[in-house]
Amino acid sequence: EERDLAKSVFLHRLTLLGINWGTKKFVSGKGTFKEAWVLHWNPSFSIDIIDKGSWGNTVEEACEKYIKHLSSNKSLQEIGELLEMVLFADLAQTSQVLLEQLNKLAAASSDVIQLLEVLPSLITSLRYGNVRKTDAQMLENIVNGFITRICINLPYACQSIDEEAGLKLLELFVKFDDAILTLQQEEQLLNWRNTLIHIVENKNTAALLAGYSTRLIYNHKFLSEAVLLNIFSLSVSPSNEYATTAAWLEGFLRGSGTILLLDPILWEMIHAWVSALDNDQFVTVLPLLRRSFSQFSNPERKKLGKKAKRNENSNSIVVQQTAFNHEEGLKAIPIVKLLLGIN
């Protein structure tokens, strides 16, 4: 294992120096740390080695000095990504320098979007920093500080934004939620839940983000089914603009249509809402609905299509059964007269 770790560190250091002798490949399997490399030597690497040799007499020394030089004018997100690579390369001094830079940049930044962009790479660094036996206490403190600041400022960032900004923020929501679940810290989960509730309850929140926040609260078992149905019915109420309702649904259905397959009440509410749209309203919301359902997997879309078809068939059967049968009705008249005491 020590030899494999040494090989990994060496290849990561070469990558940081821009000498891509090894290319890392995805590998599946159990365990906290697995890597697979494909090695391919290029004669031009000889020139690169001479060039990078000016930074130090060993690979470690050259890498330490070169990365410190690179990091001098980097953004918050770039420092976070660089830190992730440095931890894999086991460069303790450089990682300490990058952590200090990261802390200073974060303290000076008031942009919650920047914090959301950099957090996933920091959490990856925190996980693999422990695997690499790197002291991660400072990094853990920075991550916790990031999460606290994001939870405080995120509800305000969700207000009064256009569709493009809302879609970008939605993608960051997805990554941030994954990051919180990865950490599995009770206090951070509680902070995230309270933030989501605040976002949902704020009337100025963009409908797309309000819908997705509602879905997350429900997924994390923070919301009872009764309360969810109440929020759902208010959000798809006919009194709302149809485009706003469609945006809310797009957020709520984000990522998976399984909830519609398993929850008959939600399915009936959505089915009833769509059925009540007239032609002009349906044309208005169709692009948003199509974008929502395009996120689902092919099997989910097929099952939802079959379910919708069954709804149509069941409706047609009901119409046929309610057609009045005069002959059968005449047979019931004597019994009705007897019950009513009519001669």
Protein backbone atom coordinates (compact mmCIF):
# COMPACT_ATOMS: atom_id res chain seq x y z
CA GLU A 1 0.00 0.00 0.00
CA GLU A 2 2.85 2.41 0.83
CA ARG A 3 4.42 1.81 -2.59
CA ASP A 4 1.09 2.43 -4.34
CA LEU A 5 0.59 5.63 -2.34
CA ALA A 6 4.10 6.81 -3.24
CA LYS A 7 3.39 6.19 -6.94
CA SER A 8 0.14 8.13 -6.70
CA VAL A 9 1.81 11.07 -4.96
CA PHE A 10 4.57 11.14 -7.56
CA LEU A 11 2.13 11.16 -10.50
CA HIS A 12 -0.02 13.86 -8.88
CA ARG A 13 3.07 16.03 -8.39
CA LEU A 14 4.06 15.62 -12.02
CA THR A 15 0.52 16.61 -13.05
CA LEU A 16 0.77 19.78 -10.96
CA LEU A 17 4.00 20.60 -12.79
CA GLY A 18 2.22 20.17 -16.13
CA ILE A 19 3.98 16.90 -16.95
CA ASN A 20 1.08 14.57 -17.74
CA TRP A 21 2.95 11.27 -17.89
CA GLY A 22 0.02 9.59 -16.12
CA THR A 23 -3.69 10.06 -16.83
CA LYS A 24 -6.05 9.21 -13.99
CA LYS A 25 -8.99 6.98 -14.91
CA PHE A 26 -12.27 6.34 -13.12
CA VAL A 27 -12.31 3.14 -11.10
CA SER A 28 -15.31 1.64 -9.30
CA GLY A 29 -15.38 -0.50 -6.20
CA LYS A 30 -15.66 -0.36 -2.44
CA GLY A 31 -13.31 1.63 -0.26
CA THR A 32 -12.49 5.25 0.50
CA PHE A 33 -9.54 5.65 -1.83
CA LYS A 34 -9.01 4.07 -5.24
CA GLU A 35 -7.03 5.31 -8.24
CA ALA A 36 -6.11 3.90 -11.63
CA TRP A 37 -3.51 5.50 -13.88
CA VAL A 38 -2.65 5.01 -17.54
CA LEU A 39 0.99 5.89 -18.29
CA HIS A 40 2.06 7.24 -21.67
CA TRP A 41 5.51 8.74 -22.19
CA ASN A 42 5.89 11.64 -24.61
CA PRO A 43 9.43 12.66 -25.68
CA SER A 44 8.49 16.31 -25.14
CA PHE A 45 8.28 15.56 -21.40
CA SER A 46 12.10 15.64 -21.34
CA ILE A 47 12.00 19.33 -22.24
CA ASP A 48 9.25 19.96 -19.67
CA ILE A 49 11.33 18.30 -16.95
CA ILE A 50 14.31 20.55 -17.75
CA ASP A 51 12.05 23.60 -17.77
CA LYS A 52 10.39 22.79 -14.41
CA GLY A 53 13.75 21.80 -12.97
CA SER A 54 14.50 25.51 -12.52
CA TRP A 55 12.03 25.49 -9.57
CA GLY A 56 13.92 22.89 -7.55
CA ASN A 57 16.33 19.93 -7.51
CA THR A 58 13.65 17.38 -6.56
CA VAL A 59 10.08 16.84 -7.77
CA GLU A 60 8.71 17.77 -4.32
CA GLU A 61 10.77 20.98 -4.05
CA ALA A 62 9.96 22.06 -7.61
CA CYS A 63 6.28 21.36 -7.04
CA GLU A 64 6.17 23.30 -3.74
CA LYS A 65 7.76 26.42 -5.24
CA TYR A 66 5.88 26.25 -8.54
CA ILE A 67 2.43 25.97 -6.93
CA LYS A 68 3.14 28.79 -4.49
CA HIS A 69 4.08 30.93 -7.49
CA LEU A 70 0.90 29.93 -9.37
CA SER A 71 -1.40 30.66 -6.44
CA SER A 72 -0.36 34.29 -5.99
CA ASN A 73 -3.13 35.77 -8.18
CA LYS A 74 -5.79 33.05 -8.16
CA SER A 75 -9.51 33.46 -7.42
CA LEU A 76 -11.33 31.82 -4.52
CA GLN A 77 -12.61 28.97 -6.71
CA GLU A 78 -9.20 28.41 -8.33
CA ILE A 79 -7.49 28.22 -4.93
CA GLY A 80 -10.06 25.66 -3.79
CA GLU A 81 -9.49 23.48 -6.86
CA LEU A 82 -5.71 23.83 -6.51
CA LEU A 83 -5.91 22.83 -2.85
CA GLU A 84 -7.71 19.61 -3.80
CA MET A 85 -4.88 18.69 -6.18
CA VAL A 86 -2.17 19.65 -3.68
CA LEU A 87 -3.61 17.39 -0.98
CA PHE A 88 -3.48 14.46 -3.39
CA ALA A 89 0.16 15.36 -4.06
CA ASP A 90 0.93 15.35 -0.30
CA LEU A 91 2.50 18.81 -0.21
CA ALA A 92 1.99 19.81 3.42
CA GLN A 93 3.70 23.23 3.31
CA THR A 94 1.92 24.28 0.13
CA SER A 95 -1.46 23.14 1.42
CA GLN A 96 -0.95 25.31 4.52
CA VAL A 97 -0.16 28.33 2.33
CA LEU A 98 -3.23 27.70 0.18
CA LEU A 99 -5.45 27.31 3.24
CA GLU A 100 -4.31 30.68 4.56
CA GLN A 101 -4.96 32.30 1.17
CA LEU A 102 -8.35 30.64 1.00
CA ASN A 103 -9.27 31.94 4.43
CA LYS A 104 -8.29 35.50 3.54
CA LEU A 105 -10.16 35.47 0.22
CA ALA A 106 -13.28 34.02 1.85
CA ALA A 107 -13.25 36.69 4.56
CA ALA A 108 -13.10 39.39 1.89
CA SER A 109 -15.80 37.86 -0.31
CA SER A 110 -19.49 38.73 0.14
CA ASP A 111 -20.61 36.77 -2.93
CA VAL A 112 -22.56 33.66 -1.89
CA ILE A 113 -22.27 32.32 -5.45
CA GLN A 114 -18.46 32.18 -5.15
CA LEU A 115 -18.75 30.35 -1.84
CA LEU A 116 -21.16 27.82 -3.37
CA GLU A 117 -18.83 27.25 -6.32
CA VAL A 118 -15.78 26.50 -4.22
CA LEU A 119 -17.35 24.44 -1.40
CA PRO A 120 -17.62 21.03 -3.21
CA SER A 121 -13.89 20.96 -3.95
CA LEU A 122 -13.15 21.89 -0.32
CA ILE A 123 -15.27 19.03 0.98
CA THR A 124 -13.50 16.65 -1.40
CA SER A 125 -10.21 17.97 0.00
CA LEU A 126 -11.49 17.44 3.54
CA ARG A 127 -12.43 13.82 2.81
CA TYR A 128 -9.21 12.86 1.03
CA GLY A 129 -7.09 14.99 3.31
CA ASN A 130 -8.03 12.55 6.06
CA VAL A 131 -7.24 9.58 3.83
CA ARG A 132 -3.84 11.06 3.04
CA LYS A 133 -3.26 11.55 6.80
CA THR A 134 -3.12 15.32 6.36
CA ASP A 135 -4.02 17.56 9.31
CA ALA A 136 -7.46 18.78 8.21
CA GLN A 137 -8.50 20.80 11.28
CA MET A 138 -7.93 24.18 9.61
CA LEU A 139 -9.69 23.05 6.46
CA GLU A 140 -12.63 21.74 8.51
CA ASN A 141 -12.96 25.12 10.24
CA ILE A 142 -12.96 26.89 6.84
CA VAL A 143 -15.60 24.50 5.45
CA ASN A 144 -17.85 25.03 8.49
CA GLY A 145 -17.42 28.79 8.12
CA PHE A 146 -18.37 28.59 4.44
CA ILE A 147 -21.51 26.58 5.20
CA THR A 148 -22.61 29.00 7.93
CA ARG A 149 -22.17 32.02 5.65
CA ILE A 150 -23.97 30.30 2.77
CA CYS A 151 -26.93 29.37 4.98
CA ILE A 152 -27.22 32.98 6.18
CA ASN A 153 -26.96 34.65 2.76
CA LEU A 154 -28.55 32.11 0.41
CA PRO A 155 -32.22 33.08 1.07
CA TYR A 156 -31.47 36.66 -0.02
CA ALA A 157 -29.68 35.45 -3.17
CA CYS A 158 -32.85 33.57 -4.20
CA GLN A 159 -34.98 36.72 -4.37
CA SER A 160 -35.85 38.79 -7.45
CA ILE A 161 -33.64 36.97 -9.97
CA ASP A 162 -34.29 36.18 -13.63
CA GLU A 163 -34.67 32.72 -15.15
CA GLU A 164 -31.03 32.36 -16.24
CA ALA A 165 -29.69 33.29 -12.81
CA GLY A 166 -32.24 30.96 -11.20
CA LEU A 167 -31.10 28.00 -13.30
CA LYS A 168 -27.45 28.66 -12.45
CA LEU A 169 -28.26 28.91 -8.75
CA LEU A 170 -30.29 25.71 -8.97
CA GLU A 171 -27.23 23.78 -10.17
CA LEU A 172 -25.27 25.15 -7.21
CA PHE A 173 -28.14 24.11 -4.91
CA VAL A 174 -27.75 20.52 -6.12
CA LYS A 175 -23.99 20.48 -5.46
CA PHE A 176 -24.35 22.17 -2.07
CA ASP A 177 -27.00 19.67 -0.95
CA ASP A 178 -24.73 16.78 -1.99
CA ALA A 179 -21.88 18.38 -0.06
CA ILE A 180 -23.97 18.71 3.12
CA LEU A 181 -25.04 15.07 2.86
CA THR A 182 -21.43 14.01 2.32
CA LEU A 183 -20.33 15.69 5.57
CA GLN A 184 -23.12 14.06 7.63
CA GLN A 185 -22.81 16.60 10.45
CA GLU A 186 -25.98 17.02 12.47
CA GLU A 187 -25.49 20.73 13.13
CA GLN A 188 -24.91 21.53 9.44
CA LEU A 189 -27.93 19.45 8.39
CA LEU A 190 -30.06 21.42 10.85
CA ASN A 191 -28.75 24.75 9.51
CA TRP A 192 -29.46 23.62 5.95
CA ARG A 193 -33.00 22.56 6.86
CA ASN A 194 -33.74 25.94 8.46
CA THR A 195 -32.32 27.71 5.41
CA LEU A 196 -34.54 25.70 3.05
CA ILE A 197 -37.61 26.46 5.17
CA HIS A 198 -36.75 30.17 5.10
CA ILE A 199 -36.40 30.03 1.29
CA VAL A 200 -39.76 28.27 0.88
CA GLU A 201 -41.63 30.61 3.22
CA ASN A 202 -40.29 33.79 1.60
CA LYS A 203 -42.84 35.04 -0.95
CA ASN A 204 -40.11 36.83 -2.93
CA THR A 205 -38.15 33.63 -3.59
CA ALA A 206 -37.92 32.68 -7.28
CA ALA A 207 -40.55 30.01 -7.97
CA LEU A 208 -37.99 27.59 -9.44
CA LEU A 209 -35.87 27.67 -6.27
CA ALA A 210 -38.89 27.58 -3.95
CA GLY A 211 -40.06 24.40 -5.70
CA TYR A 212 -36.65 22.72 -5.47
CA SER A 213 -36.24 23.73 -1.82
CA THR A 214 -39.63 22.17 -1.05
CA ARG A 215 -38.53 18.95 -2.74
CA LEU A 216 -35.27 18.87 -0.73
CA ILE A 217 -37.09 19.39 2.57
CA TYR A 218 -39.40 16.52 1.69
CA ASN A 219 -36.53 14.26 0.53
CA HIS A 220 -34.67 14.82 3.80
CA LYS A 221 -37.77 13.89 5.83
CA PHE A 222 -38.01 17.40 7.25
CA LEU A 223 -41.59 17.79 6.02
CA SER A 224 -44.70 15.70 6.69
CA GLU A 225 -46.87 14.61 3.77
CA ALA A 226 -49.80 16.70 5.04
CA VAL A 227 -47.73 19.90 5.12
CA LEU A 228 -46.24 19.09 1.71
CA LEU A 229 -49.70 18.72 0.19
CA ASN A 230 -50.73 22.05 1.67
CA ILE A 231 -47.66 23.80 0.19
CA PHE A 232 -48.20 21.99 -3.11
CA SER A 233 -51.86 23.00 -3.40
CA LEU A 234 -51.02 26.65 -2.67
CA SER A 235 -48.18 26.63 -5.21
CA VAL A 236 -50.31 25.22 -8.05
CA SER A 237 -53.40 27.23 -7.14
CA PRO A 238 -55.35 28.63 -10.15
CA SER A 239 -54.91 32.09 -8.62
CA ASN A 240 -51.17 31.96 -9.42
CA GLU A 241 -49.76 32.85 -12.81
CA TYR A 242 -49.41 29.71 -14.91
CA ALA A 243 -45.77 30.44 -15.80
CA THR A 244 -44.96 30.84 -12.07
CA THR A 245 -46.68 27.56 -11.24
CA ALA A 246 -44.81 25.77 -14.05
CA ALA A 247 -41.48 27.15 -12.77
CA TRP A 248 -42.32 25.95 -9.25
CA LEU A 249 -43.15 22.50 -10.61
CA GLU A 250 -39.90 22.42 -12.58
CA GLY A 251 -37.97 22.99 -9.36
CA PHE A 252 -40.05 20.52 -7.36
CA LEU A 253 -39.70 17.75 -9.95
CA ARG A 254 -35.99 18.40 -10.49
CA GLY A 255 -33.87 15.29 -10.89
CA SER A 256 -36.37 12.47 -10.48
CA GLY A 257 -39.92 11.63 -11.49
CA THR A 258 -40.13 8.70 -9.08
CA ILE A 259 -42.11 10.77 -6.61
CA LEU A 260 -44.93 11.08 -9.18
CA LEU A 261 -44.92 7.33 -9.76
CA LEU A 262 -45.10 6.51 -6.06
CA ASP A 263 -47.30 9.28 -4.69
CA PRO A 264 -50.83 9.08 -6.17
CA ILE A 265 -52.03 12.26 -4.44
CA LEU A 266 -49.30 14.44 -5.95
CA TRP A 267 -49.86 12.79 -9.33
CA GLU A 268 -53.59 13.57 -9.24
CA MET A 269 -52.92 17.20 -8.25
CA ILE A 270 -50.50 17.73 -11.15
CA HIS A 271 -52.77 15.86 -13.55
CA ALA A 272 -55.76 17.98 -12.49
CA TRP A 273 -53.74 21.21 -12.87
CA VAL A 274 -52.53 20.34 -16.37
CA SER A 275 -56.01 19.17 -17.42
CA ALA A 276 -57.52 22.50 -16.33
CA LEU A 277 -55.23 24.53 -18.64
CA ASP A 278 -56.84 25.93 -21.77
CA ASN A 279 -54.99 25.86 -25.10
CA ASP A 280 -53.28 29.26 -24.72
CA GLN A 281 -52.21 28.56 -21.13
CA PHE A 282 -50.90 25.12 -22.07
CA VAL A 283 -48.81 26.56 -24.93
CA THR A 284 -47.38 29.15 -22.49
CA VAL A 285 -46.21 26.62 -19.90
CA LEU A 286 -45.31 23.77 -22.30
CA PRO A 287 -41.58 24.69 -22.66
CA LEU A 288 -41.15 24.72 -18.87
CA LEU A 289 -43.03 21.44 -18.44
CA ARG A 290 -41.01 19.84 -21.24
CA ARG A 291 -37.77 20.99 -19.59
CA SER A 292 -38.94 19.54 -16.26
CA PHE A 293 -39.75 16.11 -17.69
CA SER A 294 -36.60 16.03 -19.83
CA GLN A 295 -34.60 15.72 -16.58
CA PHE A 296 -36.19 12.34 -15.86
CA SER A 297 -34.64 9.06 -16.97
CA ASN A 298 -36.08 7.24 -20.00
CA PRO A 299 -37.71 4.50 -17.85
CA GLU A 300 -39.34 7.15 -15.65
CA ARG A 301 -40.73 9.02 -18.67
CA LYS A 302 -42.13 5.79 -20.15
CA LYS A 303 -43.82 4.84 -16.87
CA LEU A 304 -45.26 8.35 -16.46
CA GLY A 305 -46.57 8.21 -20.04
CA LYS A 306 -48.28 4.88 -19.37
CA LYS A 307 -49.73 6.25 -16.15
CA ALA A 308 -51.13 9.30 -17.95
CA LYS A 309 -52.62 7.03 -20.62
CA ARG A 310 -54.29 4.90 -17.96
CA ASN A 311 -55.81 8.08 -16.50
CA GLU A 312 -57.30 8.95 -19.89
CA ASN A 313 -58.67 5.43 -20.36
CA SER A 314 -60.18 5.35 -16.87
CA ASN A 315 -61.85 8.70 -17.54
CA SER A 316 -63.41 7.40 -20.75
CA ILE A 317 -64.70 4.30 -18.96
CA VAL A 318 -66.36 6.44 -16.31
CA VAL A 319 -68.17 8.41 -19.04
CA GLN A 320 -69.50 5.22 -20.62
CA GLN A 321 -70.66 3.81 -17.28
CA THR A 322 -72.57 6.98 -16.38
CA ALA A 323 -74.63 6.85 -19.60
CA PHE A 324 -78.31 6.49 -18.54
CA ASN A 325 -79.93 3.09 -19.19
CA HIS A 326 -83.73 3.57 -19.44
CA GLU A 327 -84.59 -0.14 -19.24
CA GLU A 328 -82.59 -0.66 -16.06
CA GLY A 329 -84.08 2.52 -14.61
CA LEU A 330 -87.66 1.30 -15.15
CA LYS A 331 -86.91 -1.85 -13.18
CA ALA A 332 -86.03 0.23 -10.13
CA ILE A 333 -89.25 2.32 -10.10
CA PRO A 334 -91.49 -0.25 -8.28
CA ILE A 335 -88.89 -0.66 -5.51
CA VAL A 336 -88.55 3.12 -5.10
CA LYS A 337 -92.37 3.47 -4.88
CA LEU A 338 -92.51 0.74 -2.23
CA LEU A 339 -89.85 2.48 -0.16
CA LEU A 340 -91.65 5.81 -0.42
CA GLY A 341 -95.09 4.33 0.36
CA ILE A 342 -96.54 5.34 -2.99
CA ASN A 343 -99.45 3.22 -4.40
